[in-house]
Amino acid sequence: MTDRRSPQDGPRKRAVRIAGPNTPQPVRQARYGLARVLSKRGLCSRSEAERRVREGRVRVAGRVVRDPEFPVALDAADIVLDGDAARGAAHHYLMLNKPRGLVTSARDEQGRDTVYRCFDGAGLGWIAPVGRLDRASEGLLLFSSDPAWSARITEPESGPHKTYHVQVDAVPDADLLAALERGVEDAGQWLQATSVRMLRHGDRNAWLEVVLDEGRNRQIRRLTAAHGLTVLRLVRVAIGELALGALGKGAWRTLTPEEVRALALPSDHASG
């Protein structure tokens, strides 16, 4: 075939396609450590996932991977855990009325009963407590298989307030209630309540409503002890707008989609 270009046309140039704003771009999937992906899929905790990976119980694309930080896509379909496809299960969001005397842990070195006894026979798979209540405390305790959601609930700066009903061994006056709100330093930590009010009292003890915007270890017990009060009972009755209500002792229920969304919204104190 004859080249019809004239000598003035110069050498033939290859056409170059310039990408415009609407030109589809290749999508690069974010990659995460293998243990984190297993945790995000709600299959186990992050620490448990790391242990299983190191034990050689996880395969990626047919080969055993022992590095918990091995990069994989969050929706990778070729991950196998203990011989089964490691597919993400539908997440669970639950509330429990924790009885007094149970340890908020999956296992207890001293052999004491844990909160997981309340879920015996439910077939829920892996779930983890969202925050904690100590063994002597009772009331509203959340559980979930969704680590990202749990992190939003427990975030000190933006998580929901927690409300407690606390029985103490004296009848505090207005000055003492104000002192609990002002706070005190204990073991290098500043402890204070967002609000404290009297619910009812007798001759020798009283019930207080105490609201916290963050949860330090045994915070209410330490705060009241610093002011000469001993806690007789401590019941968490609400997290944000989610109230314990009439849920029986040791009973649990699934949260509604509306409750799940509301708990994850930034609390009012996030901007205060």
C-alpha atoms as a PDB file:
ATOM      1  CA  MET A   1       0.000   0.000   0.000  1.00  0.00           C
ATOM      2  CA  THR A   2       1.403   3.421  -1.038  1.00  0.00           C
ATOM      3  CA  ASP A   3       2.082   6.018   1.664  1.00  0.00           C
ATOM      4  CA  ARG A   4       0.128   9.074   0.486  1.00  0.00           C
ATOM      5  CA  ARG A   5       1.862  11.553   2.835  1.00  0.00           C
ATOM      6  CA  SER A   6       3.975  14.256   1.196  1.00  0.00           C
ATOM      7  CA  PRO A   7       7.619  14.755   2.238  1.00  0.00           C
ATOM      8  CA  GLN A   8       6.516  17.888   4.100  1.00  0.00           C
ATOM      9  CA  ASP A   9       4.312  15.825   6.405  1.00  0.00           C
ATOM     10  CA  GLY A  10       7.379  14.587   8.292  1.00  0.00           C
ATOM     11  CA  PRO A  11       7.665  11.190  10.007  1.00  0.00           C
ATOM     12  CA  ARG A  12       4.509   9.370  11.126  1.00  0.00           C
ATOM     13  CA  LYS A  13       3.665  10.049  14.801  1.00  0.00           C
ATOM     14  CA  ARG A  14       1.984   7.598  17.158  1.00  0.00           C
ATOM     15  CA  ALA A  15      -1.347   8.897  18.452  1.00  0.00           C
ATOM     16  CA  VAL A  16      -1.269   9.669  22.170  1.00  0.00           C
ATOM     17  CA  ARG A  17      -4.487   9.352  24.169  1.00  0.00           C
ATOM     18  CA  ILE A  18      -4.765  11.967  26.871  1.00  0.00           C
ATOM     19  CA  ALA A  19      -6.861  10.977  29.851  1.00  0.00           C
ATOM     20  CA  GLY A  20      -9.639  13.419  30.564  1.00  0.00           C
ATOM     21  CA  PRO A  21     -11.487  13.936  33.822  1.00  0.00           C
ATOM     22  CA  ASN A  22     -14.057  11.267  32.923  1.00  0.00           C
ATOM     23  CA  THR A  23     -11.563   8.654  31.815  1.00  0.00           C
ATOM     24  CA  PRO A  24     -11.882   5.554  34.039  1.00  0.00           C
ATOM     25  CA  GLN A  25      -8.787   5.063  36.185  1.00  0.00           C
ATOM     26  CA  PRO A  26      -7.552   1.698  37.436  1.00  0.00           C
ATOM     27  CA  VAL A  27      -8.732   1.070  41.011  1.00  0.00           C
ATOM     28  CA  ARG A  28      -6.042   0.116  43.493  1.00  0.00           C
ATOM     29  CA  GLN A  29      -7.501  -1.842  46.376  1.00  0.00           C
ATOM     30  CA  ALA A  30      -6.277  -0.989  49.842  1.00  0.00           C
ATOM     31  CA  ARG A  31      -4.332  -3.809  51.422  1.00  0.00           C
ATOM     32  CA  TYR A  32      -4.119  -4.643  55.106  1.00  0.00           C
ATOM     33  CA  GLY A  33      -2.202  -7.046  57.296  1.00  0.00           C
ATOM     34  CA  LEU A  34      -3.639 -10.580  57.186  1.00  0.00           C
ATOM     35  CA  ALA A  35      -4.467 -10.652  60.909  1.00  0.00           C
ATOM     36  CA  ARG A  36      -6.294  -7.329  60.644  1.00  0.00           C
ATOM     37  CA  VAL A  37      -8.388  -8.619  57.733  1.00  0.00           C
ATOM     38  CA  LEU A  38      -9.433 -11.715  59.695  1.00  0.00           C
ATOM     39  CA  SER A  39     -10.410  -9.475  62.606  1.00  0.00           C
ATOM     40  CA  LYS A  40     -12.312  -7.028  60.389  1.00  0.00           C
ATOM     41  CA  ARG A  41     -14.291  -9.962  58.990  1.00  0.00           C
ATOM     42  CA  GLY A  42     -15.462 -10.739  62.512  1.00  0.00           C
ATOM     43  CA  LEU A  43     -13.812 -14.160  62.627  1.00  0.00           C
ATOM     44  CA  CYS A  44     -11.743 -13.590  65.775  1.00  0.00           C
ATOM     45  CA  SER A  45      -9.956 -10.891  67.702  1.00  0.00           C
ATOM     46  CA  ARG A  46      -6.826  -9.249  66.300  1.00  0.00           C
ATOM     47  CA  SER A  47      -4.569 -11.002  68.827  1.00  0.00           C
ATOM     48  CA  GLU A  48      -6.237 -14.356  68.174  1.00  0.00           C
ATOM     49  CA  ALA A  49      -5.836 -13.837  64.419  1.00  0.00           C
ATOM     50  CA  GLU A  50      -2.130 -13.121  64.872  1.00  0.00           C
ATOM     51  CA  ARG A  51      -1.762 -16.333  66.872  1.00  0.00           C
ATOM     52  CA  ARG A  52      -3.565 -18.439  64.250  1.00  0.00           C
ATOM     53  CA  VAL A  53      -1.479 -16.986  61.440  1.00  0.00           C
ATOM     54  CA  ARG A  54       1.770 -17.716  63.261  1.00  0.00           C
ATOM     55  CA  GLU A  55       0.590 -21.285  63.921  1.00  0.00           C
ATOM     56  CA  GLY A  56       0.274 -21.839  60.170  1.00  0.00           C
ATOM     57  CA  ARG A  57      -3.516 -22.179  60.203  1.00  0.00           C
ATOM     58  CA  VAL A  58      -4.106 -19.610  57.433  1.00  0.00           C
ATOM     59  CA  ARG A  59      -3.549 -19.988  53.692  1.00  0.00           C
ATOM     60  CA  VAL A  60      -3.587 -17.255  51.075  1.00  0.00           C
ATOM     61  CA  ALA A  61      -3.838 -18.286  47.417  1.00  0.00           C
ATOM     62  CA  GLY A  62      -3.104 -21.872  48.394  1.00  0.00           C
ATOM     63  CA  ARG A  63       0.028 -21.340  50.459  1.00  0.00           C
ATOM     64  CA  VAL A  64       0.520 -21.099  54.210  1.00  0.00           C
ATOM     65  CA  VAL A  65       1.286 -17.580  55.430  1.00  0.00           C
ATOM     66  CA  ARG A  66       2.808 -17.140  58.887  1.00  0.00           C
ATOM     67  CA  ASP A  67       3.299 -13.380  58.806  1.00  0.00           C
ATOM     68  CA  PRO A  68       0.353 -11.543  60.488  1.00  0.00           C
ATOM     69  CA  GLU A  69       1.289  -8.386  58.529  1.00  0.00           C
ATOM     70  CA  PHE A  70       1.230 -10.118  55.125  1.00  0.00           C
ATOM     71  CA  PRO A  71      -0.685  -7.635  52.886  1.00  0.00           C
ATOM     72  CA  VAL A  72      -4.022  -8.746  51.450  1.00  0.00           C
ATOM     73  CA  ALA A  73      -7.130  -6.979  50.145  1.00  0.00           C
ATOM     74  CA  LEU A  74      -9.989  -6.678  52.608  1.00  0.00           C
ATOM     75  CA  ASP A  75     -12.338  -8.581  50.251  1.00  0.00           C
ATOM     76  CA  ALA A  76      -9.795 -11.164  49.058  1.00  0.00           C
ATOM     77  CA  ALA A  77     -11.594 -14.429  48.276  1.00  0.00           C
ATOM     78  CA  ASP A  78      -8.574 -16.740  48.523  1.00  0.00           C
ATOM     79  CA  ILE A  79      -8.037 -16.697  52.309  1.00  0.00           C
ATOM     80  CA  VAL A  80      -8.582 -20.017  54.070  1.00  0.00           C
ATOM     81  CA  LEU A  81      -8.650 -20.384  57.871  1.00  0.00           C
ATOM     82  CA  ASP A  82      -8.462 -23.878  59.387  1.00  0.00           C
ATOM     83  CA  GLY A  83      -9.470 -25.408  56.061  1.00  0.00           C
ATOM     84  CA  ASP A  84     -12.554 -23.245  55.505  1.00  0.00           C
ATOM     85  CA  ALA A  85     -12.950 -20.123  53.390  1.00  0.00           C
ATOM     86  CA  ALA A  86     -12.478 -17.127  55.699  1.00  0.00           C
ATOM     87  CA  ARG A  87     -15.549 -15.254  54.553  1.00  0.00           C
ATOM     88  CA  GLY A  88     -16.779 -12.285  56.508  1.00  0.00           C
ATOM     89  CA  ALA A  89     -19.823 -13.161  58.580  1.00  0.00           C
ATOM     90  CA  ALA A  90     -22.689 -10.781  59.248  1.00  0.00           C
ATOM     91  CA  HIS A  91     -21.685  -8.739  62.277  1.00  0.00           C
ATOM     92  CA  HIS A  92     -23.404  -9.105  65.635  1.00  0.00           C
ATOM     93  CA  TYR A  93     -24.351  -6.123  67.819  1.00  0.00           C
ATOM     94  CA  LEU A  94     -25.684  -7.178  71.212  1.00  0.00           C
ATOM     95  CA  MET A  95     -26.502  -5.837  74.660  1.00  0.00           C
ATOM     96  CA  LEU A  96     -26.288  -7.909  77.846  1.00  0.00           C
ATOM     97  CA  ASN A  97     -27.533  -7.234  81.363  1.00  0.00           C
ATOM     98  CA  LYS A  98     -24.339  -8.411  83.052  1.00  0.00           C
ATOM     99  CA  PRO A  99     -24.892 -10.094  86.428  1.00  0.00           C
ATOM    100  CA  ARG A 100     -22.633  -9.305  89.339  1.00  0.00           C
ATOM    101  CA  GLY A 101     -19.817 -11.825  89.838  1.00  0.00           C
ATOM    102  CA  LEU A 102     -18.958 -12.512  86.188  1.00  0.00           C
ATOM    103  CA  VAL A 103     -15.582 -11.577  84.724  1.00  0.00           C
ATOM    104  CA  THR A 104     -15.578  -9.528  81.501  1.00  0.00           C
ATOM    105  CA  SER A 105     -13.141 -11.797  79.688  1.00  0.00           C
ATOM    106  CA  ALA A 106     -13.173 -14.753  77.323  1.00  0.00           C
ATOM    107  CA  ARG A 107     -11.061 -16.800  79.744  1.00  0.00           C
ATOM    108  CA  ASP A 108     -10.175 -16.423  83.396  1.00  0.00           C
ATOM    109  CA  GLU A 109      -6.923 -17.773  84.807  1.00  0.00           C
ATOM    110  CA  GLN A 110      -8.597 -18.391  88.168  1.00  0.00           C
ATOM    111  CA  GLY A 111     -11.404 -20.417  86.613  1.00  0.00           C
ATOM    112  CA  ARG A 112     -14.142 -17.932  87.498  1.00  0.00           C
ATOM    113  CA  ASP A 113     -17.294 -17.695  85.395  1.00  0.00           C
ATOM    114  CA  THR A 114     -17.128 -15.126  82.586  1.00  0.00           C
ATOM    115  CA  VAL A 115     -19.756 -13.079  80.780  1.00  0.00           C
ATOM    116  CA  TYR A 116     -19.655 -15.583  77.908  1.00  0.00           C
ATOM    117  CA  ARG A 117     -21.636 -17.990  80.081  1.00  0.00           C
ATOM    118  CA  CYS A 118     -24.667 -15.842  79.270  1.00  0.00           C
ATOM    119  CA  PHE A 119     -24.328 -16.735  75.566  1.00  0.00           C
ATOM    120  CA  ASP A 120     -23.998 -20.518  75.988  1.00  0.00           C
ATOM    121  CA  GLY A 121     -25.706 -22.382  73.141  1.00  0.00           C
ATOM    122  CA  ALA A 122     -26.445 -19.236  71.118  1.00  0.00           C
ATOM    123  CA  GLY A 123     -24.052 -20.142  68.278  1.00  0.00           C
ATOM    124  CA  LEU A 124     -22.999 -16.544  67.745  1.00  0.00           C
ATOM    125  CA  GLY A 125     -19.409 -17.189  66.724  1.00  0.00           C
ATOM    126  CA  TRP A 126     -16.746 -14.712  67.795  1.00  0.00           C
ATOM    127  CA  ILE A 127     -17.960 -11.659  69.718  1.00  0.00           C
ATOM    128  CA  ALA A 128     -16.040  -9.349  72.045  1.00  0.00           C
ATOM    129  CA  PRO A 129     -17.077  -7.001  74.860  1.00  0.00           C
ATOM    130  CA  VAL A 130     -17.232  -3.321  73.925  1.00  0.00           C
ATOM    131  CA  GLY A 131     -15.553  -1.823  76.969  1.00  0.00           C
ATOM    132  CA  ARG A 132     -15.680  -3.526  80.352  1.00  0.00           C
ATOM    133  CA  LEU A 133     -17.484  -3.851  83.650  1.00  0.00           C
ATOM    134  CA  ASP A 134     -15.483  -5.197  86.586  1.00  0.00           C
ATOM    135  CA  ARG A 135     -16.532  -8.386  88.329  1.00  0.00           C
ATOM    136  CA  ALA A 136     -18.425  -6.606  91.110  1.00  0.00           C
ATOM    137  CA  SER A 137     -20.299  -4.323  88.694  1.00  0.00           C
ATOM    138  CA  GLU A 138     -23.459  -5.127  86.761  1.00  0.00           C
ATOM    139  CA  GLY A 139     -25.733  -3.789  84.066  1.00  0.00           C
ATOM    140  CA  LEU A 140     -25.460  -2.793  80.424  1.00  0.00           C
ATOM    141  CA  LEU A 141     -22.547  -4.333  78.530  1.00  0.00           C
ATOM    142  CA  LEU A 142     -22.256  -4.269  74.740  1.00  0.00           C
ATOM    143  CA  PHE A 143     -20.798  -7.034  72.557  1.00  0.00           C
ATOM    144  CA  SER A 144     -19.946  -7.033  68.872  1.00  0.00           C
ATOM    145  CA  SER A 145     -17.976  -8.832  66.168  1.00  0.00           C
ATOM    146  CA  ASP A 146     -17.299  -5.496  64.437  1.00  0.00           C
ATOM    147  CA  PRO A 147     -13.976  -4.059  65.705  1.00  0.00           C
ATOM    148  CA  ALA A 148     -14.370  -0.749  63.854  1.00  0.00           C
ATOM    149  CA  TRP A 149     -17.780  -0.106  65.427  1.00  0.00           C
ATOM    150  CA  SER A 150     -16.498  -1.106  68.862  1.00  0.00           C
ATOM    151  CA  ALA A 151     -13.603   1.335  68.540  1.00  0.00           C
ATOM    152  CA  ARG A 152     -16.017   4.207  67.873  1.00  0.00           C
ATOM    153  CA  ILE A 153     -18.033   3.331  70.984  1.00  0.00           C
ATOM    154  CA  THR A 154     -14.980   3.232  73.252  1.00  0.00           C
ATOM    155  CA  GLU A 155     -13.252   6.320  71.816  1.00  0.00           C
ATOM    156  CA  PRO A 156     -12.772   8.673  74.816  1.00  0.00           C
ATOM    157  CA  GLU A 157     -13.111  11.892  72.794  1.00  0.00           C
ATOM    158  CA  SER A 158     -16.250  11.041  70.833  1.00  0.00           C
ATOM    159  CA  GLY A 159     -17.829   7.897  72.284  1.00  0.00           C
ATOM    160  CA  PRO A 160     -21.214   8.030  74.051  1.00  0.00           C
ATOM    161  CA  HIS A 161     -21.643   8.935  77.705  1.00  0.00           C
ATOM    162  CA  LYS A 162     -22.152   6.106  80.192  1.00  0.00           C
ATOM    163  CA  THR A 163     -24.734   6.406  82.970  1.00  0.00           C
ATOM    164  CA  TYR A 164     -24.516   4.473  86.242  1.00  0.00           C
ATOM    165  CA  HIS A 165     -26.681   4.048  89.306  1.00  0.00           C
ATOM    166  CA  VAL A 166     -24.366   3.777  92.290  1.00  0.00           C
ATOM    167  CA  GLN A 167     -25.222   2.858  95.870  1.00  0.00           C
ATOM    168  CA  VAL A 168     -22.796   4.312  98.420  1.00  0.00           C
ATOM    169  CA  ASP A 169     -22.462   3.759 102.172  1.00  0.00           C
ATOM    170  CA  ALA A 170     -23.301   7.321 103.246  1.00  0.00           C
ATOM    171  CA  VAL A 171     -25.610  10.192 102.335  1.00  0.00           C
ATOM    172  CA  PRO A 172     -23.447  12.776 100.547  1.00  0.00           C
ATOM    173  CA  ASP A 173     -24.383  16.430 100.794  1.00  0.00           C
ATOM    174  CA  ALA A 174     -24.385  18.937  97.939  1.00  0.00           C
ATOM    175  CA  ASP A 175     -20.748  19.882  98.520  1.00  0.00           C
ATOM    176  CA  LEU A 176     -19.617  16.281  98.199  1.00  0.00           C
ATOM    177  CA  LEU A 177     -21.633  15.775  94.993  1.00  0.00           C
ATOM    178  CA  ALA A 178     -19.994  18.886  93.567  1.00  0.00           C
ATOM    179  CA  ALA A 179     -16.568  17.578  94.584  1.00  0.00           C
ATOM    180  CA  LEU A 180     -17.181  14.359  92.643  1.00  0.00           C
ATOM    181  CA  GLU A 181     -17.886  16.459  89.562  1.00  0.00           C
ATOM    182  CA  ARG A 182     -14.782  18.605  90.081  1.00  0.00           C
ATOM    183  CA  GLY A 183     -12.631  15.491  90.251  1.00  0.00           C
ATOM    184  CA  VAL A 184      -9.486  14.329  91.987  1.00  0.00           C
ATOM    185  CA  GLU A 185      -6.070  12.975  91.040  1.00  0.00           C
ATOM    186  CA  ASP A 186      -5.517   9.313  91.824  1.00  0.00           C
ATOM    187  CA  ALA A 187      -2.447   7.246  90.903  1.00  0.00           C
ATOM    188  CA  GLY A 188      -1.382   9.863  88.386  1.00  0.00           C
ATOM    189  CA  GLN A 189      -4.795  10.028  86.678  1.00  0.00           C
ATOM    190  CA  TRP A 190      -7.408  12.753  86.883  1.00  0.00           C
ATOM    191  CA  LEU A 191     -10.775  11.228  87.770  1.00  0.00           C
ATOM    192  CA  GLN A 192     -14.048  13.122  87.571  1.00  0.00           C
ATOM    193  CA  ALA A 193     -17.682  12.626  86.695  1.00  0.00           C
ATOM    194  CA  THR A 194     -19.538  14.578  84.025  1.00  0.00           C
ATOM    195  CA  SER A 195     -22.493  14.854  86.404  1.00  0.00           C
ATOM    196  CA  VAL A 196     -23.596  13.433  89.754  1.00  0.00           C
ATOM    197  CA  ARG A 197     -27.047  13.710  91.297  1.00  0.00           C
ATOM    198  CA  MET A 198     -28.917  12.132  94.159  1.00  0.00           C
ATOM    199  CA  LEU A 199     -31.581   9.600  93.168  1.00  0.00           C
ATOM    200  CA  ARG A 200     -32.797   8.587  96.637  1.00  0.00           C
ATOM    201  CA  HIS A 201     -31.422   7.953 100.097  1.00  0.00           C
ATOM    202  CA  GLY A 202     -32.148   6.400 103.448  1.00  0.00           C
ATOM    203  CA  ASP A 203     -30.570   7.031 106.816  1.00  0.00           C
ATOM    204  CA  ARG A 204     -27.256   5.308 106.088  1.00  0.00           C
ATOM    205  CA  ASN A 205     -26.806   5.037 102.324  1.00  0.00           C
ATOM    206  CA  ALA A 206     -27.833   6.635  99.071  1.00  0.00           C
ATOM    207  CA  TRP A 207     -28.241   5.936  95.360  1.00  0.00           C
ATOM    208  CA  LEU A 208     -26.499   8.341  93.002  1.00  0.00           C
ATOM    209  CA  GLU A 209     -26.719   8.776  89.251  1.00  0.00           C
ATOM    210  CA  VAL A 210     -23.190   9.190  87.887  1.00  0.00           C
ATOM    211  CA  VAL A 211     -22.469  10.058  84.247  1.00  0.00           C
ATOM    212  CA  LEU A 212     -19.000   9.544  82.727  1.00  0.00           C
ATOM    213  CA  ASP A 213     -17.695  10.680  79.356  1.00  0.00           C
ATOM    214  CA  GLU A 214     -14.748   8.289  79.497  1.00  0.00           C
ATOM    215  CA  GLY A 215     -14.071   5.066  81.302  1.00  0.00           C
ATOM    216  CA  ARG A 216     -10.887   4.525  83.288  1.00  0.00           C
ATOM    217  CA  ASN A 217     -10.241   1.339  85.218  1.00  0.00           C
ATOM    218  CA  ARG A 218     -12.581   1.233  88.268  1.00  0.00           C
ATOM    219  CA  GLN A 219     -13.102   4.972  87.839  1.00  0.00           C
ATOM    220  CA  ILE A 220     -16.245   5.407  89.937  1.00  0.00           C
ATOM    221  CA  ARG A 221     -14.967   3.229  92.776  1.00  0.00           C
ATOM    222  CA  ARG A 222     -11.673   5.133  92.880  1.00  0.00           C
ATOM    223  CA  LEU A 223     -13.354   8.528  92.626  1.00  0.00           C
ATOM    224  CA  THR A 224     -15.809   7.870  95.439  1.00  0.00           C
ATOM    225  CA  ALA A 225     -13.145   6.222  97.632  1.00  0.00           C
ATOM    226  CA  ALA A 226     -11.014   9.358  97.306  1.00  0.00           C
ATOM    227  CA  HIS A 227     -13.880  11.225  98.966  1.00  0.00           C
ATOM    228  CA  GLY A 228     -14.456   8.697 101.745  1.00  0.00           C
ATOM    229  CA  LEU A 229     -17.329   6.775 100.119  1.00  0.00           C
ATOM    230  CA  THR A 230     -17.557   3.024  99.558  1.00  0.00           C
ATOM    231  CA  VAL A 231     -19.541   1.652  96.627  1.00  0.00           C
ATOM    232  CA  LEU A 232     -22.070  -1.002  97.670  1.00  0.00           C
ATOM    233  CA  ARG A 233     -23.555  -1.596  94.216  1.00  0.00           C
ATOM    234  CA  LEU A 234     -22.748  -0.246  90.772  1.00  0.00           C
ATOM    235  CA  VAL A 235     -25.123  -0.713  87.846  1.00  0.00           C
ATOM    236  CA  ARG A 236     -24.575   0.707  84.351  1.00  0.00           C
ATOM    237  CA  VAL A 237     -28.033   1.690  83.150  1.00  0.00           C
ATOM    238  CA  ALA A 238     -27.336   3.433  79.823  1.00  0.00           C
ATOM    239  CA  ILE A 239     -24.758   3.979  77.100  1.00  0.00           C
ATOM    240  CA  GLY A 240     -25.640   7.114  75.171  1.00  0.00           C
ATOM    241  CA  GLU A 241     -29.383   6.936  74.569  1.00  0.00           C
ATOM    242  CA  LEU A 242     -29.436   3.137  74.810  1.00  0.00           C
ATOM    243  CA  ALA A 243     -31.024   2.228  78.137  1.00  0.00           C
ATOM    244  CA  LEU A 244     -30.871  -1.101  79.950  1.00  0.00           C
ATOM    245  CA  GLY A 245     -34.628  -0.957  80.408  1.00  0.00           C
ATOM    246  CA  ALA A 246     -36.428  -4.114  81.476  1.00  0.00           C
ATOM    247  CA  LEU A 247     -33.835  -6.560  80.143  1.00  0.00           C
ATOM    248  CA  GLY A 248     -33.553  -9.341  82.723  1.00  0.00           C
ATOM    249  CA  LYS A 249     -30.407 -10.154  84.668  1.00  0.00           C
ATOM    250  CA  GLY A 250     -28.171 -12.337  82.503  1.00  0.00           C
ATOM    251  CA  ALA A 251     -30.400 -11.803  79.453  1.00  0.00           C
ATOM    252  CA  TRP A 252     -29.258 -10.349  76.133  1.00  0.00           C
ATOM    253  CA  ARG A 253     -30.773  -9.078  72.924  1.00  0.00           C
ATOM    254  CA  THR A 254     -29.710  -7.931  69.453  1.00  0.00           C
ATOM    255  CA  LEU A 255     -29.544  -4.182  68.897  1.00  0.00           C
ATOM    256  CA  THR A 256     -31.794  -2.697  66.247  1.00  0.00           C
ATOM    257  CA  PRO A 257     -30.134  -1.111  63.175  1.00  0.00           C
ATOM    258  CA  GLU A 258     -31.208   2.290  64.492  1.00  0.00           C
ATOM    259  CA  GLU A 259     -29.525   1.634  67.862  1.00  0.00           C
ATOM    260  CA  VAL A 260     -26.332   0.470  66.136  1.00  0.00           C
ATOM    261  CA  ARG A 261     -26.154   3.657  64.059  1.00  0.00           C
ATOM    262  CA  ALA A 262     -27.013   5.974  66.948  1.00  0.00           C
ATOM    263  CA  LEU A 263     -24.326   4.564  69.244  1.00  0.00           C
ATOM    264  CA  ALA A 264     -21.640   5.119  66.591  1.00  0.00           C
ATOM    265  CA  LEU A 265     -22.495   8.803  66.126  1.00  0.00           C
ATOM    266  CA  PRO A 266     -20.127  11.299  67.784  1.00  0.00           C
ATOM    267  CA  SER A 267     -21.342  12.231  71.255  1.00  0.00           C
ATOM    268  CA  ASP A 268     -22.158  15.806  72.252  1.00  0.00           C
ATOM    269  CA  HIS A 269     -19.022  15.988  74.408  1.00  0.00           C
ATOM    270  CA  ALA A 270     -16.815  15.469  71.350  1.00  0.00           C
ATOM    271  CA  SER A 271     -16.990  19.196  70.591  1.00  0.00           C
ATOM    272  CA  GLY A 272     -16.978  20.394  74.181  1.00  0.00           C
END
